[in-house]
């Protein structure tokens, strides 16, 4: 144990760290995910008969945990995805950074806090996977399942699908929208993103028309006036809010009705970002519009767009085609 180190264990510190995360205004989903990563580390340490005292957890121990995670067989029967291992790394890294700042890893004789054991650890490499995006044909097929209907649910789903494809906002951002966040005249939404960061997103005229049609149906829905959230679902008592899982289920159901592949809400975000890059949006504009704090995802979409353009250029400039025209 380090000099003047804490004897607190992961089981004692993790709940306190989660209180800190809540104070930092992280979303409930993020707080839960971060905590689950550390509980997983705690369980592994116990199974390996290693100390769970935070000040005793070394870099070598954490590297061994990373290897164990990469070899873990998931419910699919396959090893854990590199992206999932990388997520556990990031979440653990944040915990130990916090623990160091709080002096929970111990202090030297000069009273200086010992650094995180992950301070000089490199994150696991994640092979780049091609961006899986909703394309125009799929979007139109989904929209067709809502066509020519005045039902509240159909108008709602048409508005949701249009906004997701038009703005690329995250699932949680969409589900948290309130009536007051909609500016019909200004054609924009006020979105609350990760870390409770607020940004305005613009909407095209067609998507705004879909939203306006839903809004008209919403006005006459029993109980709607008492619900601040924008998206409604019918209940035995009148109306309730449609949550994130309800939106995801709706998209899955609409995809089956349209006879297309399984679609997830996040694939709309991929499609939007790809469309923006193809339209040559500026890097900083895409970053701001998408609500990204780093350049990593923006650069990923840029590379995906360049590769897609390269494929089309290869077809257009085919040497074999040129030889056949001689």
Protein backbone atom coordinates (compact mmCIF):
# COMPACT_ATOMS: atom_id res chain seq x y z
CA UNK A 1 0.00 0.00 0.00
CA UNK A 2 1.23 3.50 -0.82
CA UNK A 3 2.16 6.01 1.86
CA UNK A 4 -0.87 7.58 3.54
CA UNK A 5 -3.06 5.67 1.15
CA UNK A 6 -6.76 5.10 1.53
CA UNK A 7 -8.00 1.68 2.52
CA UNK A 8 -11.32 2.26 0.75
CA UNK A 9 -12.42 -0.45 -1.65
CA UNK A 10 -14.11 -0.19 -5.03
CA UNK A 11 -17.40 -1.18 -3.41
CA UNK A 12 -17.09 1.80 -1.07
CA UNK A 13 -15.84 4.36 -3.58
CA UNK A 14 -17.84 3.64 -6.73
CA UNK A 15 -21.20 4.83 -5.31
CA UNK A 16 -19.49 8.05 -4.18
CA UNK A 17 -18.00 8.50 -7.64
CA UNK A 18 -21.43 8.07 -9.16
CA UNK A 19 -22.71 10.88 -6.95
CA UNK A 20 -19.91 13.02 -8.39
CA UNK A 21 -20.95 12.06 -11.93
CA UNK A 22 -24.53 13.08 -11.19
CA UNK A 23 -23.25 16.41 -9.87
CA UNK A 24 -21.39 16.80 -13.17
CA UNK A 25 -24.80 16.46 -14.88
CA UNK A 26 -24.05 13.24 -16.73
CA UNK A 27 -27.11 11.44 -18.00
CA UNK A 28 -28.57 8.62 -15.85
CA UNK A 29 -27.61 6.16 -18.59
CA UNK A 30 -23.97 7.32 -18.51
CA UNK A 31 -23.82 7.17 -14.71
CA UNK A 32 -25.16 3.62 -14.82
CA UNK A 33 -22.75 2.52 -17.58
CA UNK A 34 -19.71 4.02 -15.84
CA UNK A 35 -20.67 2.31 -12.60
CA UNK A 36 -21.23 -1.06 -14.25
CA UNK A 37 -17.68 -0.97 -15.63
CA UNK A 38 -16.21 -0.56 -12.17
CA UNK A 39 -18.49 -3.21 -10.67
CA UNK A 40 -17.24 -5.52 -13.38
CA UNK A 41 -13.66 -4.73 -12.39
CA UNK A 42 -14.55 -5.37 -8.74
CA UNK A 43 -16.05 -8.78 -9.56
CA UNK A 44 -12.98 -9.74 -11.61
CA UNK A 45 -10.61 -8.74 -8.81
CA UNK A 46 -12.55 -10.85 -6.33
CA UNK A 47 -12.59 -13.84 -8.72
CA UNK A 48 -8.82 -13.47 -9.23
CA UNK A 49 -8.24 -13.18 -5.47
CA UNK A 50 -6.73 -9.71 -5.91
CA UNK A 51 -7.14 -6.72 -3.63
CA UNK A 52 -10.15 -4.50 -4.26
CA UNK A 53 -8.63 -1.62 -2.29
CA UNK A 54 -8.38 1.20 -4.77
CA UNK A 55 -4.89 2.28 -3.70
CA UNK A 56 -3.63 -1.27 -4.31
CA UNK A 57 -4.85 -1.57 -7.92
CA UNK A 58 -1.82 -1.26 -10.18
CA UNK A 59 -1.25 -0.62 -13.83
CA UNK A 60 -0.24 -4.26 -14.29
CA UNK A 61 -3.49 -5.41 -12.69
CA UNK A 62 -5.55 -3.17 -14.96
CA UNK A 63 -3.68 -4.39 -18.04
CA UNK A 64 -4.51 -7.96 -17.01
CA UNK A 65 -8.16 -6.94 -16.68
CA UNK A 66 -8.12 -5.48 -20.20
CA UNK A 67 -6.81 -8.80 -21.53
CA UNK A 68 -9.48 -10.69 -19.58
CA UNK A 69 -12.20 -8.45 -21.01
CA UNK A 70 -10.99 -9.01 -24.57
CA UNK A 71 -11.19 -12.79 -23.99
CA UNK A 72 -14.65 -12.68 -22.38
CA UNK A 73 -17.26 -14.63 -24.34
CA UNK A 74 -20.50 -12.67 -24.59
CA UNK A 75 -24.08 -13.91 -24.92
CA UNK A 76 -23.65 -13.93 -28.70
CA UNK A 77 -21.01 -16.62 -28.32
CA UNK A 78 -18.31 -14.25 -29.59
CA UNK A 79 -15.48 -12.49 -27.70
CA UNK A 80 -16.27 -9.03 -26.40
CA UNK A 81 -16.02 -6.40 -29.14
CA UNK A 82 -12.88 -4.22 -29.12
CA UNK A 83 -15.13 -1.14 -28.96
CA UNK A 84 -16.72 -2.47 -25.76
CA UNK A 85 -13.32 -3.16 -24.20
CA UNK A 86 -12.28 0.39 -25.14
CA UNK A 87 -15.40 1.74 -23.43
CA UNK A 88 -14.56 -0.09 -20.20
CA UNK A 89 -11.06 1.36 -20.44
CA UNK A 90 -12.38 4.93 -20.76
CA UNK A 91 -14.83 4.54 -17.88
CA UNK A 92 -12.22 3.01 -15.56
CA UNK A 93 -9.77 5.72 -16.60
CA UNK A 94 -12.21 8.41 -15.50
CA UNK A 95 -12.75 6.70 -12.16
CA UNK A 96 -9.05 6.46 -11.35
CA UNK A 97 -8.46 10.03 -12.50
CA UNK A 98 -11.15 11.14 -10.06
CA UNK A 99 -9.78 8.92 -7.29
CA UNK A 100 -6.32 10.42 -7.77
CA UNK A 101 -7.64 13.99 -7.71
CA UNK A 102 -9.51 13.20 -4.49
CA UNK A 103 -6.39 11.75 -2.87
CA UNK A 104 -7.94 8.29 -2.62
CA UNK A 105 -4.85 6.65 -4.15
CA UNK A 106 -2.65 7.96 -1.36
CA UNK A 107 -0.19 10.84 -1.00
CA UNK A 108 3.59 11.05 -0.78
CA UNK A 109 5.51 12.65 2.07
CA UNK A 110 5.10 16.06 0.48
CA UNK A 111 1.34 15.62 0.44
CA UNK A 112 1.12 15.20 -3.34
CA UNK A 113 -1.57 12.85 -4.59
CA UNK A 114 -0.36 9.74 -6.34
CA UNK A 115 -1.31 9.64 -10.04
CA UNK A 116 -3.81 7.28 -11.59
CA UNK A 117 -2.39 3.84 -12.45
CA UNK A 118 -3.91 4.40 -15.89
CA UNK A 119 -2.12 7.72 -16.46
CA UNK A 120 0.32 6.26 -18.97
CA UNK A 121 -1.79 3.35 -20.22
CA UNK A 122 -2.73 3.38 -23.88
CA UNK A 123 -6.35 2.62 -24.76
CA UNK A 124 -7.04 -0.64 -26.59
CA UNK A 125 -6.92 -0.37 -30.35
CA UNK A 126 -10.31 -0.48 -32.01
CA UNK A 127 -10.40 -1.54 -35.67
CA UNK A 128 -12.39 0.94 -37.69
CA UNK A 129 -15.73 -0.52 -38.77
CA UNK A 130 -17.47 0.94 -41.83
CA UNK A 131 -20.19 3.40 -40.86
CA UNK A 132 -23.56 1.64 -40.99
CA UNK A 133 -26.03 4.32 -42.03
CA UNK A 134 -29.69 4.63 -42.96
CA UNK A 135 -29.80 5.55 -46.65
CA UNK A 136 -32.42 7.45 -48.61
CA UNK A 137 -34.17 4.32 -49.95
CA UNK A 138 -34.55 2.93 -46.43
CA UNK A 139 -35.79 6.25 -45.07
CA UNK A 140 -38.44 6.53 -47.80
CA UNK A 141 -39.54 2.93 -47.16
CA UNK A 142 -39.95 3.70 -43.46
CA UNK A 143 -41.92 6.85 -44.22
CA UNK A 144 -44.24 4.92 -46.52
CA UNK A 145 -45.49 2.92 -43.53
CA UNK A 146 -46.88 6.16 -42.05
CA UNK A 147 -48.34 7.61 -45.26
CA UNK A 148 -51.97 8.71 -45.82
CA UNK A 149 -52.95 8.45 -42.17
CA UNK A 150 -54.34 10.97 -39.72
CA UNK A 151 -53.77 8.73 -36.67
CA UNK A 152 -51.75 10.36 -33.91
CA UNK A 153 -49.25 7.48 -33.85
CA UNK A 154 -48.63 7.61 -37.60
CA UNK A 155 -48.18 11.37 -37.63
CA UNK A 156 -45.91 11.11 -34.59
CA UNK A 157 -43.77 8.39 -36.14
CA UNK A 158 -43.50 10.28 -39.43
CA UNK A 159 -42.27 13.34 -37.52
CA UNK A 160 -39.78 11.29 -35.49
CA UNK A 161 -38.35 9.50 -38.54
CA UNK A 162 -38.05 12.78 -40.44
CA UNK A 163 -36.32 14.57 -37.59
CA UNK A 164 -33.87 11.73 -37.01
CA UNK A 165 -32.95 11.60 -40.69
CA UNK A 166 -32.87 15.39 -41.04
CA UNK A 167 -30.92 16.33 -37.91
CA UNK A 168 -29.00 13.27 -36.68
CA UNK A 169 -29.87 13.96 -33.05
CA UNK A 170 -29.25 11.16 -30.57
CA UNK A 171 -32.04 8.88 -29.35
CA UNK A 172 -32.00 10.31 -25.82
CA UNK A 173 -31.94 13.85 -27.21
CA UNK A 174 -35.02 13.12 -29.29
CA UNK A 175 -36.90 11.44 -26.42
CA UNK A 176 -36.17 14.33 -24.04
CA UNK A 177 -37.62 16.97 -26.36
CA UNK A 178 -40.34 19.07 -24.76
CA UNK A 179 -43.06 21.11 -26.41
CA UNK A 180 -41.23 24.31 -25.41
CA UNK A 181 -38.11 23.11 -27.26
CA UNK A 182 -39.87 23.41 -30.63
CA UNK A 183 -39.62 26.65 -32.59
CA UNK A 184 -42.09 26.09 -35.45
CA UNK A 185 -41.58 29.52 -36.97
CA UNK A 186 -37.79 29.42 -36.71
CA UNK A 187 -37.62 25.80 -37.95
CA UNK A 188 -35.37 24.61 -35.15
CA UNK A 189 -35.25 22.50 -32.01
CA UNK A 190 -33.48 23.14 -28.72
CA UNK A 191 -31.74 19.88 -27.87
CA UNK A 192 -30.26 18.81 -24.53
CA UNK A 193 -27.24 16.64 -25.27
CA UNK A 194 -24.60 14.79 -23.28
CA UNK A 195 -23.55 16.52 -20.10
CA UNK A 196 -26.75 18.62 -20.27
CA UNK A 197 -25.18 20.70 -23.03
CA UNK A 198 -27.82 22.60 -24.98
CA UNK A 199 -27.63 23.31 -28.71
CA UNK A 200 -30.04 24.42 -31.42
CA UNK A 201 -30.53 22.26 -34.51
CA UNK A 202 -32.13 23.38 -37.74
CA UNK A 203 -34.85 21.42 -39.51
CA UNK A 204 -35.74 21.40 -43.21
CA UNK A 205 -39.17 22.51 -44.39
CA UNK A 206 -40.43 18.98 -45.10
CA UNK A 207 -39.49 17.59 -41.69
CA UNK A 208 -40.96 20.67 -40.04
CA UNK A 209 -44.21 20.11 -41.94
CA UNK A 210 -44.30 16.53 -40.59
CA UNK A 211 -43.77 17.90 -37.09
CA UNK A 212 -46.50 20.50 -37.59
CA UNK A 213 -48.98 17.81 -38.67
CA UNK A 214 -48.18 15.79 -35.56
CA UNK A 215 -48.46 18.90 -33.39
CA UNK A 216 -51.98 19.55 -34.67
CA UNK A 217 -53.02 16.01 -33.74
CA UNK A 218 -51.32 16.39 -30.37
CA UNK A 219 -53.35 19.51 -29.51
CA UNK A 220 -56.63 17.55 -29.45
CA UNK A 221 -55.25 14.45 -27.73
CA UNK A 222 -56.84 13.93 -24.26
CA UNK A 223 -54.35 14.70 -21.50
CA UNK A 224 -51.77 16.18 -23.88
CA UNK A 225 -51.84 19.62 -22.27
CA UNK A 226 -50.55 18.16 -19.00
CA UNK A 227 -47.57 16.39 -20.63
CA UNK A 228 -44.51 18.58 -21.22
CA UNK A 229 -42.68 16.03 -23.37
CA UNK A 230 -43.22 16.40 -27.11
CA UNK A 231 -43.78 12.77 -28.08
CA UNK A 232 -46.96 11.14 -26.80
CA UNK A 233 -48.17 7.59 -26.47
CA UNK A 234 -51.75 6.62 -25.76
CA UNK A 235 -52.45 5.22 -22.30
CA UNK A 236 -55.54 4.08 -20.42
CA UNK A 237 -55.52 7.47 -18.69
CA UNK A 238 -55.17 9.49 -21.89
CA UNK A 239 -51.60 10.40 -22.80
CA UNK A 240 -48.08 9.71 -21.57
CA UNK A 241 -44.56 10.42 -22.77
CA UNK A 242 -42.92 8.18 -25.37
CA UNK A 243 -39.51 7.23 -23.98
CA UNK A 244 -36.28 6.16 -25.67
CA UNK A 245 -37.08 2.46 -25.63
CA UNK A 246 -40.48 3.21 -27.16
CA UNK A 247 -38.85 5.12 -30.03
CA UNK A 248 -36.40 2.27 -30.66
CA UNK A 249 -39.24 -0.27 -30.68
CA UNK A 250 -41.23 1.88 -33.08
CA UNK A 251 -38.34 2.05 -35.55
CA UNK A 252 -37.84 -1.71 -35.34
CA UNK A 253 -41.56 -2.26 -35.99
CA UNK A 254 -41.64 0.17 -38.93
CA UNK A 255 -38.60 -1.53 -40.48
CA UNK A 256 -40.41 -4.88 -40.39
CA UNK A 257 -43.50 -3.29 -41.96
CA UNK A 258 -41.35 -1.75 -44.69
CA UNK A 259 -39.65 -5.08 -45.40
CA UNK A 260 -36.15 -3.71 -44.87
CA UNK A 261 -33.27 -4.71 -42.61
CA UNK A 262 -33.21 -4.11 -38.87
CA UNK A 263 -32.65 -0.39 -38.24
CA UNK A 264 -31.43 1.22 -35.02
CA UNK A 265 -31.95 4.87 -34.04
CA UNK A 266 -28.20 5.55 -34.07
CA UNK A 267 -27.96 4.55 -37.73
CA UNK A 268 -29.99 7.65 -38.53
CA UNK A 269 -27.21 9.70 -36.95
CA UNK A 270 -24.68 7.92 -39.14
CA UNK A 271 -26.80 8.62 -42.21
CA UNK A 272 -27.18 12.29 -41.35
CA UNK A 273 -23.45 12.76 -40.75
CA UNK A 274 -22.61 11.02 -44.04
CA UNK A 275 -25.09 13.20 -45.90
CA UNK A 276 -23.61 16.33 -44.33
CA UNK A 277 -20.07 15.32 -45.30
CA UNK A 278 -21.16 14.54 -48.85
CA UNK A 279 -22.66 18.05 -48.98
CA UNK A 280 -19.21 19.40 -47.96
CA UNK A 281 -20.27 20.86 -44.62
CA UNK A 282 -17.39 22.48 -42.78
CA UNK A 283 -15.67 20.40 -40.10
CA UNK A 284 -16.46 22.79 -37.24
CA UNK A 285 -20.07 23.16 -38.37
CA UNK A 286 -20.60 19.38 -38.38
CA UNK A 287 -18.99 19.08 -34.96
CA UNK A 288 -21.25 21.79 -33.52
CA UNK A 289 -24.41 20.50 -35.21
CA UNK A 290 -23.80 16.94 -34.03
CA UNK A 291 -22.96 17.94 -30.48
CA UNK A 292 -19.55 16.21 -30.46
CA UNK A 293 -16.97 17.27 -27.90
CA UNK A 294 -14.02 15.77 -29.81
CA UNK A 295 -12.96 15.49 -33.43
CA UNK A 296 -12.74 11.68 -33.44
CA UNK A 297 -16.26 10.91 -34.72
CA UNK A 298 -16.26 13.81 -37.16
CA UNK A 299 -13.02 12.54 -38.68
CA UNK A 300 -14.45 9.02 -38.86
CA UNK A 301 -17.37 10.20 -40.98
CA UNK A 302 -14.97 12.18 -43.13
CA UNK A 303 -12.91 9.07 -43.86
CA UNK A 304 -16.06 7.06 -44.60
CA UNK A 305 -17.21 9.68 -47.10
CA UNK A 306 -13.82 9.79 -48.82
CA UNK A 307 -13.85 6.00 -49.19
CA UNK A 308 -17.38 6.06 -50.63
CA UNK A 309 -16.36 8.71 -53.15
CA UNK A 310 -13.27 6.69 -54.03
CA UNK A 311 -15.43 3.66 -54.87
CA UNK A 312 -17.62 5.75 -57.19
CA UNK A 313 -14.54 7.32 -58.80
CA UNK A 314 -13.07 3.86 -59.44
CA UNK A 315 -16.27 2.85 -61.24
CA UNK A 316 -16.33 6.04 -63.30
CA UNK A 317 -12.65 5.90 -64.28
CA UNK A 318 -12.45 2.13 -64.81
CA UNK A 319 -9.44 1.40 -67.08
CA UNK A 320 -11.16 -1.73 -68.37
CA UNK A 321 -14.22 0.28 -69.37
CA UNK A 322 -11.94 2.80 -71.08
CA UNK A 323 -10.19 0.01 -72.97
CA UNK A 324 -13.54 -1.32 -74.19
CA UNK A 325 -14.41 2.08 -75.66
CA UNK A 326 -11.35 2.14 -77.92
